[in-house]
N, C-alpha and C. Protein backbone atom coordinates (compact mmCIF):
# COMPACT_ATOMS: atom_id res chain seq x y z
N UNK A 1 0.81 -1.35 -0.11
CA UNK A 1 0.20 -0.01 -0.01
C UNK A 1 0.97 1.16 -0.21
N UNK A 2 0.44 2.27 -0.56
CA UNK A 2 1.29 3.47 -1.02
C UNK A 2 0.89 4.26 0.14
N UNK A 3 1.63 5.55 0.06
CA UNK A 3 1.54 6.84 1.17
C UNK A 3 0.47 7.31 0.71
N UNK A 4 -0.35 7.76 2.03
CA UNK A 4 -1.64 8.60 1.95
C UNK A 4 -1.56 9.82 2.50
N UNK A 5 -1.57 10.91 1.72
CA UNK A 5 -1.40 12.37 2.22
C UNK A 5 -2.74 13.07 2.79
N UNK A 6 -3.79 12.13 2.65
CA UNK A 6 -4.97 12.72 3.23
C UNK A 6 -5.30 12.11 4.73
N UNK A 7 -4.34 11.23 5.03
CA UNK A 7 -4.53 10.61 6.45
C UNK A 7 -3.58 11.31 7.40
N UNK A 8 -4.18 12.20 8.31
CA UNK A 8 -3.08 12.79 9.29
C UNK A 8 -3.44 12.56 10.74
N UNK A 9 -2.41 11.99 11.47
CA UNK A 9 -2.77 11.96 12.80
C UNK A 9 -2.86 13.11 13.56
N UNK A 10 -3.68 13.18 14.47
CA UNK A 10 -4.26 14.51 15.20
C UNK A 10 -2.95 14.91 16.11
N UNK A 11 -2.80 15.79 16.21
CA UNK A 11 -1.51 16.50 17.02
C UNK A 11 -1.88 15.83 18.58
N UNK A 12 -2.87 15.92 19.32
CA UNK A 12 -3.12 15.83 20.34
C UNK A 12 -2.67 14.25 20.87
N UNK A 13 -2.63 13.24 19.96
CA UNK A 13 -2.56 12.15 20.22
C UNK A 13 -1.20 11.53 20.56
N UNK A 14 -0.08 12.68 20.32
CA UNK A 14 1.25 12.62 20.30
C UNK A 14 1.58 12.81 21.73
N UNK A 15 0.96 13.77 22.23
CA UNK A 15 1.16 14.18 23.70
C UNK A 15 1.21 13.12 24.80
N UNK A 16 2.51 13.09 25.63
CA UNK A 16 2.55 12.18 26.56
C UNK A 16 3.58 11.04 25.94
N UNK A 17 3.89 11.10 24.87
CA UNK A 17 4.73 10.09 24.26
C UNK A 17 6.26 10.84 24.22
N UNK A 18 7.28 9.98 23.45
CA UNK A 18 8.41 10.43 23.29
C UNK A 18 8.85 10.64 21.67
N UNK A 19 9.49 11.49 21.46
CA UNK A 19 9.75 11.64 20.03
C UNK A 19 11.30 11.85 19.86
N UNK A 20 11.77 11.88 18.42
CA UNK A 20 13.31 12.37 18.61
C UNK A 20 13.86 11.38 17.11
N UNK A 21 14.98 12.08 16.85
CA UNK A 21 15.44 11.79 15.31
C UNK A 21 16.73 10.40 15.64
N UNK A 22 16.66 9.79 14.50
CA UNK A 22 17.69 8.52 14.48
C UNK A 22 18.49 8.96 13.37
N UNK A 23 19.99 8.46 13.77
CA UNK A 23 20.92 8.29 12.70
C UNK A 23 21.33 7.11 12.48
N UNK A 24 22.04 6.82 11.37
CA UNK A 24 22.79 5.69 10.99
C UNK A 24 24.15 5.81 10.51
N UNK A 25 24.84 5.25 11.37
CA UNK A 25 26.36 5.35 11.22
C UNK A 25 27.08 4.12 11.34
N UNK A 26 28.45 3.92 10.85
CA UNK A 26 29.48 3.05 10.96
C UNK A 26 30.25 3.22 12.01
N UNK A 27 30.61 2.70 13.05
CA UNK A 27 31.44 3.40 13.93
C UNK A 27 32.37 2.14 14.03
N UNK A 28 33.67 2.41 13.79
CA UNK A 28 34.99 1.51 14.31
C UNK A 28 36.04 1.98 14.96
N UNK A 29 36.63 1.25 15.95
CA UNK A 29 37.98 1.60 16.45
C UNK A 29 39.00 0.71 16.03
N UNK A 30 39.91 1.41 15.61
CA UNK A 30 41.10 0.36 14.90
C UNK A 30 42.00 0.03 15.92
N UNK A 31 42.95 -0.72 15.60
CA UNK A 31 43.74 -1.25 16.57
C UNK A 31 44.82 -0.19 17.68
N UNK A 32 44.72 1.08 17.09
CA UNK A 32 45.37 2.30 17.92
C UNK A 32 44.45 2.80 18.50
N UNK A 33 43.05 2.56 18.77
CA UNK A 33 42.44 3.20 19.54
C UNK A 33 41.54 4.29 18.72
N UNK A 34 41.99 4.54 17.75
CA UNK A 34 41.34 5.75 16.97
C UNK A 34 39.94 5.37 16.61
N UNK A 35 39.08 6.16 16.39
CA UNK A 35 37.71 6.29 16.22
C UNK A 35 37.27 6.59 14.70
N UNK A 36 36.69 5.83 13.65
CA UNK A 36 36.52 6.15 12.51
C UNK A 36 35.31 5.78 12.31
N UNK A 37 34.40 6.96 11.60
CA UNK A 37 33.03 6.74 11.24
C UNK A 37 32.84 7.03 9.87
N UNK A 38 31.56 6.52 9.49
CA UNK A 38 30.98 6.59 8.42
C UNK A 38 29.38 6.74 8.47
N UNK A 39 29.20 8.07 7.89
CA UNK A 39 27.75 8.43 8.00
C UNK A 39 26.84 7.90 6.72
N UNK A 40 25.88 7.02 7.09
CA UNK A 40 25.36 6.13 6.17
C UNK A 40 23.74 7.11 5.74
N UNK A 41 23.34 7.54 6.54
CA UNK A 41 22.02 8.34 6.02
C UNK A 41 22.47 9.71 6.13
N UNK A 42 22.26 10.33 5.01
CA UNK A 42 22.20 12.04 5.09
C UNK A 42 21.01 12.52 5.59
N UNK A 43 19.90 11.79 5.85
CA UNK A 43 18.78 12.45 6.58
C UNK A 43 18.40 11.58 7.73
N UNK A 44 18.18 12.41 8.43
CA UNK A 44 17.51 11.50 9.86
C UNK A 44 16.35 11.15 9.68
N UNK A 45 15.87 10.16 10.45
CA UNK A 45 14.38 9.56 10.49
C UNK A 45 13.89 9.47 11.94
N UNK A 46 12.93 10.40 11.99
CA UNK A 46 12.22 10.27 13.30
C UNK A 46 11.42 8.98 13.95
N UNK A 47 11.42 8.83 15.13
CA UNK A 47 10.68 7.89 15.70
C UNK A 47 9.97 8.53 16.75
N UNK A 48 8.51 8.01 16.91
CA UNK A 48 7.53 8.30 17.78
C UNK A 48 6.92 7.47 18.70
N UNK A 49 7.04 7.18 20.10
CA UNK A 49 6.63 6.20 21.05
C UNK A 49 5.41 6.54 21.77
N UNK A 50 3.97 6.30 21.31
CA UNK A 50 2.98 6.22 22.41
C UNK A 50 3.03 5.18 23.37
N UNK A 51 3.56 5.71 24.75
CA UNK A 51 3.68 4.80 25.76
C UNK A 51 2.26 4.51 26.43
N UNK A 52 2.24 3.69 26.95
CA UNK A 52 1.24 3.07 27.81
C UNK A 52 0.76 4.07 28.73
N UNK A 53 -0.42 4.56 28.56
CA UNK A 53 -0.86 5.90 29.39
C UNK A 53 -2.32 5.75 29.18
N UNK A 54 -3.24 6.85 29.83
CA UNK A 54 -4.65 6.82 29.79
C UNK A 54 -5.00 7.28 28.66
N UNK A 55 -5.87 6.85 27.79
CA UNK A 55 -6.53 7.46 26.41
C UNK A 55 -7.98 7.21 26.61
N UNK A 56 -8.74 7.89 26.13
CA UNK A 56 -10.13 7.68 26.01
C UNK A 56 -10.30 6.50 24.92
N UNK A 57 -11.21 5.88 25.02
CA UNK A 57 -11.89 5.04 23.84
C UNK A 57 -11.88 5.67 22.68
N UNK A 58 -12.33 6.91 22.39
CA UNK A 58 -12.52 7.67 21.33
C UNK A 58 -11.02 7.91 20.67
N UNK A 59 -9.96 8.36 21.56
CA UNK A 59 -8.59 8.63 20.96
C UNK A 59 -8.09 7.16 20.40
N UNK A 60 -8.14 6.32 21.33
CA UNK A 60 -7.88 5.09 20.72
C UNK A 60 -8.16 4.39 19.54
N UNK A 61 -9.56 4.91 19.48
CA UNK A 61 -10.08 4.59 17.98
C UNK A 61 -9.53 5.09 17.15
N UNK A 62 -9.27 6.25 16.88
CA UNK A 62 -8.90 7.15 15.80
C UNK A 62 -7.67 6.46 15.51
N UNK A 63 -6.60 5.81 16.41
CA UNK A 63 -5.32 5.27 16.02
C UNK A 63 -5.61 3.87 15.39
N UNK A 64 -6.80 3.32 15.65
CA UNK A 64 -7.17 2.01 15.23
C UNK A 64 -7.54 2.18 13.91
N UNK A 65 -8.27 3.04 13.56
CA UNK A 65 -8.87 3.33 12.30
C UNK A 65 -7.87 3.57 11.41
N UNK A 66 -6.84 4.32 11.72
CA UNK A 66 -5.61 4.56 10.53
C UNK A 66 -5.08 3.19 10.49
N UNK A 67 -4.49 2.50 11.69
CA UNK A 67 -3.99 1.15 11.77
C UNK A 67 -4.58 -0.03 10.87
N UNK A 68 -6.12 0.09 10.92
CA UNK A 68 -6.69 -0.96 10.09
C UNK A 68 -6.87 -0.57 8.63
N UNK A 69 -7.19 0.65 8.62
CA UNK A 69 -7.29 1.17 7.23
C UNK A 69 -5.97 1.13 6.06
N UNK A 70 -4.67 1.32 6.90
CA UNK A 70 -3.68 1.03 6.09
C UNK A 70 -3.04 -0.23 6.01
N UNK A 71 -3.53 -0.94 6.97
CA UNK A 71 -3.14 -2.39 6.95
C UNK A 71 -1.65 -2.51 7.89
N UNK A 72 -1.41 -1.94 9.20
CA UNK A 72 -0.58 -1.88 9.87
C UNK A 72 0.64 -1.18 9.40
N UNK A 73 1.83 -1.87 9.16
CA UNK A 73 2.99 -1.45 8.47
C UNK A 73 3.17 -1.23 7.01
N UNK A 74 1.96 -1.58 6.16
CA UNK A 74 1.85 -1.64 4.75
C UNK A 74 1.90 -0.57 3.93
N UNK A 75 1.47 0.61 4.98
CA UNK A 75 1.08 1.88 4.47
C UNK A 75 1.71 3.29 5.40
N UNK A 76 1.85 4.48 4.86
CA UNK A 76 2.09 5.77 5.66
C UNK A 76 1.18 6.51 5.17
N UNK A 77 1.44 7.67 6.35
CA UNK A 77 0.58 8.55 6.31
C UNK A 77 1.22 9.90 7.06
N UNK A 78 0.56 10.93 7.59
CA UNK A 78 1.17 12.31 7.90
C UNK A 78 1.00 12.21 9.29
N UNK A 79 1.96 12.94 9.97
CA UNK A 79 1.90 13.35 11.28
C UNK A 79 2.69 14.62 11.65
N UNK A 80 2.53 15.02 12.81
CA UNK A 80 3.42 16.05 13.57
C UNK A 80 4.20 15.73 14.52
N UNK A 81 5.42 16.30 14.41
CA UNK A 81 6.51 15.88 15.57
C UNK A 81 6.42 17.22 16.37
N UNK A 82 5.97 16.93 17.63
CA UNK A 82 5.53 17.91 18.56
C UNK A 82 6.86 18.84 19.22
N UNK A 83 8.04 18.28 18.74
CA UNK A 83 9.27 18.89 19.11
C UNK A 83 10.06 19.45 17.91
N UNK A 84 9.53 19.28 16.75
CA UNK A 84 9.71 20.13 15.54
C UNK A 84 9.04 20.20 14.27
N UNK A 85 8.24 21.07 14.46
CA UNK A 85 7.17 21.12 13.44
C UNK A 85 7.04 22.52 12.64
N UNK A 86 7.80 23.24 13.12
CA UNK A 86 7.95 24.76 12.20
C UNK A 86 9.47 25.09 11.72
N UNK A 87 9.42 26.13 11.40
CA UNK A 87 11.00 26.38 10.65
C UNK A 87 11.58 27.25 11.85
N UNK A 88 11.04 27.41 13.01
CA UNK A 88 11.76 28.39 14.18
C UNK A 88 12.70 27.43 14.67
N UNK A 89 13.61 28.10 15.63
CA UNK A 89 14.42 27.28 16.23
C UNK A 89 13.89 27.27 17.96
N UNK A 90 13.07 26.28 18.14
CA UNK A 90 12.67 26.16 19.35
C UNK A 90 11.44 26.40 20.16
N UNK A 91 10.69 27.48 19.06
CA UNK A 91 9.11 27.79 19.41
C UNK A 91 8.23 26.74 18.95
N UNK A 92 8.17 25.58 19.65
CA UNK A 92 7.42 24.63 19.26
C UNK A 92 5.95 24.34 20.11
N UNK A 93 5.71 25.42 21.11
CA UNK A 93 4.53 25.25 21.68
C UNK A 93 3.53 26.14 21.20
N UNK A 94 2.59 26.57 22.11
CA UNK A 94 1.41 27.24 21.66
C UNK A 94 1.87 28.57 20.89
N UNK A 95 3.11 29.22 21.21
CA UNK A 95 3.49 30.52 20.59
C UNK A 95 4.48 30.09 19.04
N UNK A 96 4.11 29.09 18.88
CA UNK A 96 4.82 28.66 17.60
C UNK A 96 4.40 29.28 16.24
N UNK A 97 3.22 29.51 16.26
CA UNK A 97 2.96 29.86 14.68
C UNK A 97 3.37 31.44 14.85
N UNK A 98 2.97 31.91 16.21
CA UNK A 98 3.51 33.49 15.82
C UNK A 98 4.55 33.93 16.07
N UNK A 99 5.66 32.69 16.14
CA UNK A 99 7.11 32.94 15.96
C UNK A 99 7.67 32.82 14.72
N UNK A 100 6.78 32.44 13.62
CA UNK A 100 7.34 32.07 12.26
C UNK A 100 7.53 33.55 11.42
N UNK A 101 8.66 33.55 10.81
CA UNK A 101 8.97 34.76 9.93
C UNK A 101 9.43 34.37 8.62
N UNK A 102 9.31 35.14 7.73
CA UNK A 102 9.64 35.00 6.42
C UNK A 102 11.27 34.60 6.16
N UNK A 103 11.85 34.90 7.31
CA UNK A 103 13.46 34.84 6.71
C UNK A 103 13.85 33.76 8.00
N UNK A 104 13.15 32.64 8.44
CA UNK A 104 13.58 31.57 9.24
C UNK A 104 14.60 30.64 8.67
N UNK A 105 14.36 30.25 7.17
CA UNK A 105 15.22 29.25 6.69
C UNK A 105 15.40 29.59 5.43
N UNK A 106 16.56 28.95 4.80
CA UNK A 106 17.11 29.14 3.61
C UNK A 106 16.26 28.03 2.52
N UNK A 107 16.47 28.21 1.18
CA UNK A 107 15.98 27.24 0.25
C UNK A 107 17.15 26.82 -0.48
N UNK A 108 17.09 25.62 -0.91
CA UNK A 108 18.12 24.84 -1.96
C UNK A 108 17.91 24.94 -3.22
N UNK A 109 18.99 25.90 -4.01
CA UNK A 109 18.84 25.63 -5.52
C UNK A 109 18.80 24.07 -6.04
N UNK A 110 17.82 23.90 -6.91
CA UNK A 110 17.67 22.63 -7.39
C UNK A 110 18.74 22.23 -8.57
N UNK A 111 19.37 23.18 -8.88
CA UNK A 111 20.37 23.03 -10.14
C UNK A 111 21.66 22.87 -9.58
N UNK A 112 22.11 24.06 -8.66
CA UNK A 112 23.63 24.03 -8.47
C UNK A 112 23.86 23.77 -6.88
N UNK A 113 22.70 23.38 -6.27
CA UNK A 113 22.89 22.90 -4.75
C UNK A 113 23.32 24.10 -3.70
N UNK A 114 23.20 25.33 -4.31
CA UNK A 114 23.72 26.47 -3.36
C UNK A 114 22.41 26.89 -2.77
N UNK A 115 22.35 27.95 -2.01
CA UNK A 115 21.11 28.75 -1.33
C UNK A 115 20.62 29.80 -1.95
N UNK A 116 21.42 30.20 -2.98
CA UNK A 116 21.04 31.36 -3.47
C UNK A 116 20.99 31.30 -5.35
N UNK A 117 20.02 32.34 -5.91
CA UNK A 117 19.59 32.39 -7.25
C UNK A 117 20.88 32.54 -8.17
N UNK A 118 20.66 31.67 -9.33
CA UNK A 118 21.75 32.03 -10.34
C UNK A 118 21.34 32.64 -11.65
N UNK A 119 20.47 33.02 -11.90
CA UNK A 119 20.07 33.84 -12.92
C UNK A 119 19.02 33.29 -13.79
N UNK A 120 19.02 31.87 -13.68
CA UNK A 120 17.84 30.98 -14.41
C UNK A 120 17.01 30.04 -13.80
N UNK A 121 17.53 29.62 -12.58
CA UNK A 121 16.73 28.58 -11.68
C UNK A 121 15.27 29.41 -11.22
N UNK A 122 14.29 28.54 -11.25
CA UNK A 122 13.18 29.21 -10.51
C UNK A 122 12.48 28.15 -9.62
N UNK A 123 12.96 26.98 -9.54
CA UNK A 123 12.52 26.04 -8.37
C UNK A 123 13.66 25.76 -7.27
N UNK A 124 13.27 25.70 -6.36
CA UNK A 124 13.89 25.44 -4.89
C UNK A 124 13.20 24.61 -3.78
N UNK A 125 14.16 23.90 -3.31
CA UNK A 125 13.59 23.32 -2.29
C UNK A 125 13.77 23.83 -0.83
N UNK A 126 12.37 23.62 -0.27
CA UNK A 126 12.49 24.34 1.27
C UNK A 126 13.31 23.11 1.91
N UNK A 127 13.88 23.90 3.07
CA UNK A 127 14.80 23.20 3.90
C UNK A 127 14.42 23.74 5.50
N UNK A 128 14.93 22.95 6.29
CA UNK A 128 15.10 23.42 7.68
C UNK A 128 16.72 23.24 7.91
N UNK A 129 17.72 24.35 8.25
CA UNK A 129 18.89 24.20 8.27
C UNK A 129 19.32 24.14 9.79
N UNK A 130 20.46 23.07 10.08
CA UNK A 130 21.02 23.22 11.45
C UNK A 130 22.55 23.50 11.38
N UNK A 131 23.05 24.56 11.89
CA UNK A 131 24.42 25.17 11.98
C UNK A 131 24.91 25.01 13.10
N UNK A 132 25.21 24.05 13.76
CA UNK A 132 26.04 24.04 14.85
C UNK A 132 27.75 24.12 14.66
N UNK A 133 28.17 25.24 15.16
CA UNK A 133 29.44 25.39 14.86
C UNK A 133 29.97 25.64 13.10
N UNK A 134 30.70 25.06 12.66
CA UNK A 134 31.20 25.02 11.22
C UNK A 134 30.15 23.90 10.38
N UNK A 135 29.59 23.16 11.19
CA UNK A 135 28.66 21.97 10.71
C UNK A 135 27.34 22.71 9.84
N UNK A 136 26.87 21.79 8.81
CA UNK A 136 25.51 22.32 8.33
C UNK A 136 24.87 21.08 8.07
N UNK A 137 23.60 20.94 8.22
CA UNK A 137 22.98 20.12 7.77
C UNK A 137 21.59 20.51 7.39
N UNK A 138 21.21 20.10 6.23
CA UNK A 138 20.08 20.39 5.55
C UNK A 138 19.10 19.22 5.76
N UNK A 139 17.90 19.48 6.08
CA UNK A 139 16.53 18.73 6.34
C UNK A 139 15.67 18.80 5.24
N UNK A 140 15.63 18.04 4.33
CA UNK A 140 14.57 18.60 3.35
C UNK A 140 12.91 18.74 4.00
N UNK A 141 12.28 19.47 3.62
CA UNK A 141 11.02 19.26 3.90
C UNK A 141 10.12 19.01 2.63
N UNK A 142 9.64 17.93 2.94
CA UNK A 142 8.55 17.29 1.91
C UNK A 142 7.47 17.48 2.00
N UNK A 143 6.82 17.92 3.16
CA UNK A 143 5.33 18.24 3.29
C UNK A 143 5.15 19.13 4.19
N UNK A 144 5.32 20.45 3.72
CA UNK A 144 4.84 21.82 4.23
C UNK A 144 3.36 21.93 4.40
N UNK A 145 3.00 22.61 5.51
CA UNK A 145 1.61 22.81 5.51
C UNK A 145 0.99 23.88 4.88
N UNK A 146 0.00 23.77 4.36
CA UNK A 146 -0.64 24.59 3.31
C UNK A 146 -1.41 25.83 4.04
N UNK A 147 -1.67 25.76 5.40
CA UNK A 147 -2.25 26.48 6.52
C UNK A 147 -1.59 26.55 8.05
N UNK A 148 -1.01 27.31 8.21
CA UNK A 148 -1.16 28.79 7.73
C UNK A 148 -0.22 29.04 6.50
N UNK A 149 -0.27 29.92 5.73
CA UNK A 149 0.43 29.79 4.37
C UNK A 149 1.65 30.16 4.39
N UNK A 150 2.56 29.65 4.27
CA UNK A 150 3.95 29.76 4.15
C UNK A 150 4.25 31.05 3.64
N UNK A 151 5.31 31.83 4.41
CA UNK A 151 5.71 33.05 4.06
C UNK A 151 7.35 32.74 3.27
N UNK A 152 7.26 33.64 2.28
CA UNK A 152 8.44 33.47 1.17
C UNK A 152 9.04 34.80 1.05
N UNK A 153 10.40 34.82 0.92
CA UNK A 153 10.79 36.35 0.76
C UNK A 153 12.03 36.08 -0.16
N UNK A 154 12.54 37.17 -0.92
CA UNK A 154 13.94 37.08 -1.56
C UNK A 154 14.69 38.27 -1.10
N UNK A 155 15.77 37.78 -0.74
CA UNK A 155 16.53 39.30 0.06
C UNK A 155 15.77 40.05 0.96
N UNK A 156 14.99 39.29 1.82
CA UNK A 156 14.24 39.72 3.09
C UNK A 156 13.00 40.41 2.40
N UNK A 157 12.46 40.41 1.24
CA UNK A 157 11.27 41.13 0.73
C UNK A 157 10.20 40.23 0.38
N UNK A 158 9.53 40.33 1.42
CA UNK A 158 8.05 39.55 1.33
C UNK A 158 7.48 38.94 -0.27
N UNK A 159 7.28 38.15 -0.60
CA UNK A 159 6.83 37.60 -1.71
C UNK A 159 5.33 37.38 -1.71
N UNK A 160 4.47 37.39 -2.64
CA UNK A 160 3.09 37.38 -2.62
C UNK A 160 3.11 35.88 -3.45
N UNK A 161 1.92 35.10 -3.02
CA UNK A 161 1.24 34.08 -3.77
C UNK A 161 -0.38 34.18 -3.92
N UNK A 162 -0.78 33.96 -5.41
CA UNK A 162 0.08 33.02 -6.24
C UNK A 162 0.88 33.80 -7.44
N UNK A 163 0.89 35.24 -7.07
CA UNK A 163 1.76 36.03 -8.21
C UNK A 163 3.17 36.03 -8.22
N UNK A 164 3.86 35.61 -7.21
CA UNK A 164 5.31 35.68 -7.31
C UNK A 164 6.06 34.02 -7.22
N UNK A 165 5.12 33.27 -6.50
CA UNK A 165 5.77 31.99 -6.26
C UNK A 165 4.41 30.90 -6.12
N UNK A 166 4.82 29.68 -5.97
CA UNK A 166 4.06 28.86 -5.45
C UNK A 166 4.46 27.39 -4.88
N UNK A 167 4.16 26.89 -4.15
CA UNK A 167 4.54 25.81 -3.39
C UNK A 167 3.85 24.63 -3.57
N UNK A 168 4.51 23.35 -3.92
CA UNK A 168 3.68 21.99 -3.96
C UNK A 168 3.80 21.42 -2.51
N UNK A 169 2.75 21.10 -2.10
CA UNK A 169 2.41 20.44 -0.85
C UNK A 169 2.29 18.79 -0.55
N UNK A 170 2.04 18.15 -1.59
CA UNK A 170 1.83 17.00 -1.69
C UNK A 170 2.58 16.18 -2.77
N UNK A 171 2.55 14.86 -2.81
CA UNK A 171 2.90 14.21 -3.99
C UNK A 171 4.64 14.04 -4.05
N UNK A 172 5.03 13.44 -5.39
CA UNK A 172 6.41 13.34 -5.73
C UNK A 172 7.05 15.01 -5.45
N UNK A 173 6.71 15.85 -5.94
CA UNK A 173 7.22 17.33 -6.07
C UNK A 173 6.99 18.24 -4.75
N UNK A 174 6.46 17.37 -3.70
CA UNK A 174 6.16 18.13 -2.22
C UNK A 174 7.46 18.91 -1.67
N UNK A 175 7.34 20.20 -1.26
CA UNK A 175 8.12 20.93 -0.48
C UNK A 175 8.90 21.65 -1.58
N UNK A 176 8.60 21.66 -2.96
CA UNK A 176 9.23 22.32 -4.01
C UNK A 176 8.51 23.63 -4.01
N UNK A 177 9.50 25.03 -4.27
CA UNK A 177 8.86 26.27 -4.28
C UNK A 177 9.27 26.72 -5.72
N UNK A 178 8.22 27.17 -6.57
CA UNK A 178 8.47 27.62 -7.66
C UNK A 178 8.65 29.26 -7.75
N UNK A 179 9.27 29.95 -8.14
CA UNK A 179 9.16 31.50 -8.46
C UNK A 179 8.70 31.62 -10.02
N UNK A 180 8.10 32.68 -10.19
CA UNK A 180 7.40 33.09 -11.30
C UNK A 180 8.69 33.36 -12.36
N UNK A 181 9.27 34.18 -11.55
CA UNK A 181 10.61 34.71 -12.46
C UNK A 181 11.95 34.11 -11.91
N UNK A 182 12.89 33.74 -12.59
CA UNK A 182 14.38 33.09 -11.97
C UNK A 182 15.08 34.17 -10.87
N UNK A 183 15.54 33.65 -10.06
CA UNK A 183 16.11 34.67 -9.00
C UNK A 183 17.43 35.21 -9.66
N UNK A 184 17.65 36.66 -9.68
CA UNK A 184 18.87 36.88 -10.11
C UNK A 184 20.20 36.38 -9.24
N UNK A 185 21.29 36.00 -10.08
CA UNK A 185 22.43 35.66 -9.32
C UNK A 185 22.72 36.27 -8.11
N UNK A 186 22.81 35.58 -6.97
CA UNK A 186 23.14 35.92 -5.55
C UNK A 186 22.24 36.32 -4.72
N UNK A 187 20.88 36.49 -5.26
CA UNK A 187 19.62 36.84 -4.37
C UNK A 187 19.30 35.37 -3.71
N UNK A 188 18.68 35.83 -2.49
CA UNK A 188 18.65 34.92 -1.52
C UNK A 188 17.28 34.68 -1.26
N UNK A 189 16.58 33.02 -1.43
CA UNK A 189 15.39 32.93 -0.85
C UNK A 189 14.98 32.31 0.45
N UNK A 190 14.25 32.89 1.12
CA UNK A 190 14.16 32.16 2.30
C UNK A 190 12.74 32.06 2.62
N UNK A 191 12.09 31.29 3.69
CA UNK A 191 11.06 30.79 3.92
C UNK A 191 10.53 30.68 5.50
N UNK A 192 9.29 30.61 5.89
CA UNK A 192 8.84 30.30 7.01
C UNK A 192 7.55 29.46 7.01
N UNK A 193 7.38 28.39 7.98
CA UNK A 193 6.03 27.95 7.85
C UNK A 193 6.21 26.60 8.72
N UNK A 194 4.95 25.86 8.66
CA UNK A 194 4.94 24.51 9.49
C UNK A 194 5.03 23.45 8.45
N UNK A 195 5.29 22.38 9.05
CA UNK A 195 5.24 21.11 8.28
C UNK A 195 4.94 19.68 8.70
N UNK A 196 4.52 18.82 8.13
CA UNK A 196 4.53 17.64 8.53
C UNK A 196 5.31 16.68 8.39
N UNK A 197 5.31 15.17 8.88
CA UNK A 197 6.17 14.59 8.19
C UNK A 197 5.53 13.08 7.96
N UNK A 198 5.97 12.34 6.87
CA UNK A 198 5.41 10.96 6.69
C UNK A 198 5.80 9.90 7.73
N UNK A 199 4.81 9.22 8.27
CA UNK A 199 4.84 8.43 9.35
C UNK A 199 4.41 6.84 8.87
N UNK A 200 4.99 5.81 9.50
CA UNK A 200 4.26 4.34 9.18
C UNK A 200 4.38 3.91 10.92
N UNK A 201 3.44 2.88 10.89
CA UNK A 201 3.38 1.99 12.18
C UNK A 201 4.78 1.13 12.13
N UNK A 202 5.36 0.95 13.24
CA UNK A 202 6.59 0.29 13.50
C UNK A 202 6.39 -1.13 13.53
N UNK A 203 4.97 -1.74 13.65
CA UNK A 203 4.78 -3.06 14.09
C UNK A 203 3.49 -3.24 13.38
N UNK A 204 3.23 -4.68 13.00
CA UNK A 204 1.83 -4.95 12.48
C UNK A 204 1.00 -5.52 13.84
N UNK A 205 1.36 -5.48 15.14
CA UNK A 205 0.69 -5.64 16.09
C UNK A 205 0.10 -4.20 16.63
N UNK A 206 -1.21 -4.33 17.32
CA UNK A 206 -1.95 -3.15 17.66
C UNK A 206 -2.53 -3.78 19.05
N UNK A 207 -1.78 -3.54 20.05
CA UNK A 207 -2.35 -3.74 21.35
C UNK A 207 -2.71 -2.60 22.37
N UNK A 208 -3.70 -2.95 23.05
CA UNK A 208 -4.12 -2.13 24.03
C UNK A 208 -5.07 -2.58 25.25
N UNK A 209 -4.72 -2.01 26.14
CA UNK A 209 -5.57 -2.61 27.55
C UNK A 209 -6.82 -1.88 27.76
N UNK A 210 -7.58 -2.66 28.15
CA UNK A 210 -8.98 -2.08 28.68
C UNK A 210 -8.75 -1.54 30.32
N UNK A 211 -8.54 -0.38 30.50
CA UNK A 211 -8.36 -0.14 31.97
C UNK A 211 -9.38 -0.21 32.80
N UNK A 212 -10.39 0.66 32.12
CA UNK A 212 -11.79 0.60 32.98
C UNK A 212 -12.74 0.90 31.32
N UNK A 213 -13.95 0.87 31.87
CA UNK A 213 -14.76 1.34 30.59
C UNK A 213 -14.30 2.45 29.97
N UNK A 214 -14.15 3.55 30.59
CA UNK A 214 -13.75 4.73 29.96
C UNK A 214 -12.04 4.85 29.48
N UNK A 215 -11.50 4.13 29.93
CA UNK A 215 -10.04 4.25 29.75
C UNK A 215 -9.16 3.43 29.12
N UNK A 216 -8.47 3.58 28.16
CA UNK A 216 -7.67 2.59 27.25
C UNK A 216 -6.23 2.77 27.63
N UNK A 217 -5.47 1.76 27.15
CA UNK A 217 -3.91 1.87 27.63
C UNK A 217 -3.33 1.47 26.23
N UNK A 218 -2.25 2.22 25.83
CA UNK A 218 -1.58 1.69 24.30
C UNK A 218 -0.30 0.98 25.14
N UNK A 219 0.16 0.09 24.30
CA UNK A 219 1.04 -0.62 24.80
C UNK A 219 2.43 -0.40 23.70
N UNK A 220 2.99 0.75 24.07
CA UNK A 220 4.16 1.21 23.39
C UNK A 220 4.05 1.36 21.87
N UNK A 221 3.13 1.69 21.60
CA UNK A 221 2.96 1.97 20.23
C UNK A 221 4.04 2.84 19.40
N UNK A 222 4.64 2.09 18.35
CA UNK A 222 5.67 2.93 17.98
C UNK A 222 5.20 3.43 16.42
N UNK A 223 5.89 4.54 16.01
CA UNK A 223 5.63 5.20 14.81
C UNK A 223 7.20 5.44 14.31
N UNK A 224 7.35 5.19 12.99
CA UNK A 224 8.72 5.63 12.35
C UNK A 224 8.65 6.31 11.00
N UNK A 225 9.05 7.58 10.75
CA UNK A 225 9.24 8.32 9.44
C UNK A 225 9.94 7.62 8.66
N UNK A 226 9.00 7.72 7.36
CA UNK A 226 9.45 7.15 5.98
C UNK A 226 9.93 8.17 5.20
N UNK A 227 10.94 7.73 4.45
CA UNK A 227 11.39 8.41 3.51
C UNK A 227 10.67 8.36 1.97
N UNK A 228 10.23 9.59 1.52
CA UNK A 228 9.53 9.47 0.41
C UNK A 228 10.33 9.72 -0.92
N UNK A 229 10.18 9.22 -1.89
CA UNK A 229 10.71 9.57 -3.18
C UNK A 229 11.03 10.88 -3.51
């Protein structure tokens, strides 16, 4: 079964669980004790765990409907990482939307891999960039949210949609921003907004306990982020 962008896990269902990114590296210590590493994944994958806690039967049923509808691990859908769902650095609470600005994050030139215009390219990939020290990590944003409408700027000047640019929110081209006119050489496109991530169930088992008639417990239900083409 394929990915389905129309299925979105409600935000409230992730509260009370744990989330975080996962990396995949080969780590070897040679005879001299020196450490060598080989980074296998260029993009991290998030993991979500809904631990055993009190859920209403209605909330538990929402997850079960999704699980049965997509066939356990067979399909994937969309959800929100409550620790990283917008373009700001750290404003992930109730004030998150108000903190988003047009200058939050860069975009990736899809032709030369830079973060600026080249006089001919009109298509740029939305990013969320991390820059600790001299290190740079570009997270590709493939499922930006259509609401609130993402903010886009060129050299700090806010652009209008649909007149100046358009963004693809779903499908194979999700996360691409196309400008009506090519950016001049050196012009810097930036953006701000919220985004979702594609998720799948990590198990073909769905276990829940009946605590009381009005309370259900989910037994360590895991979700993993999936990489879309």
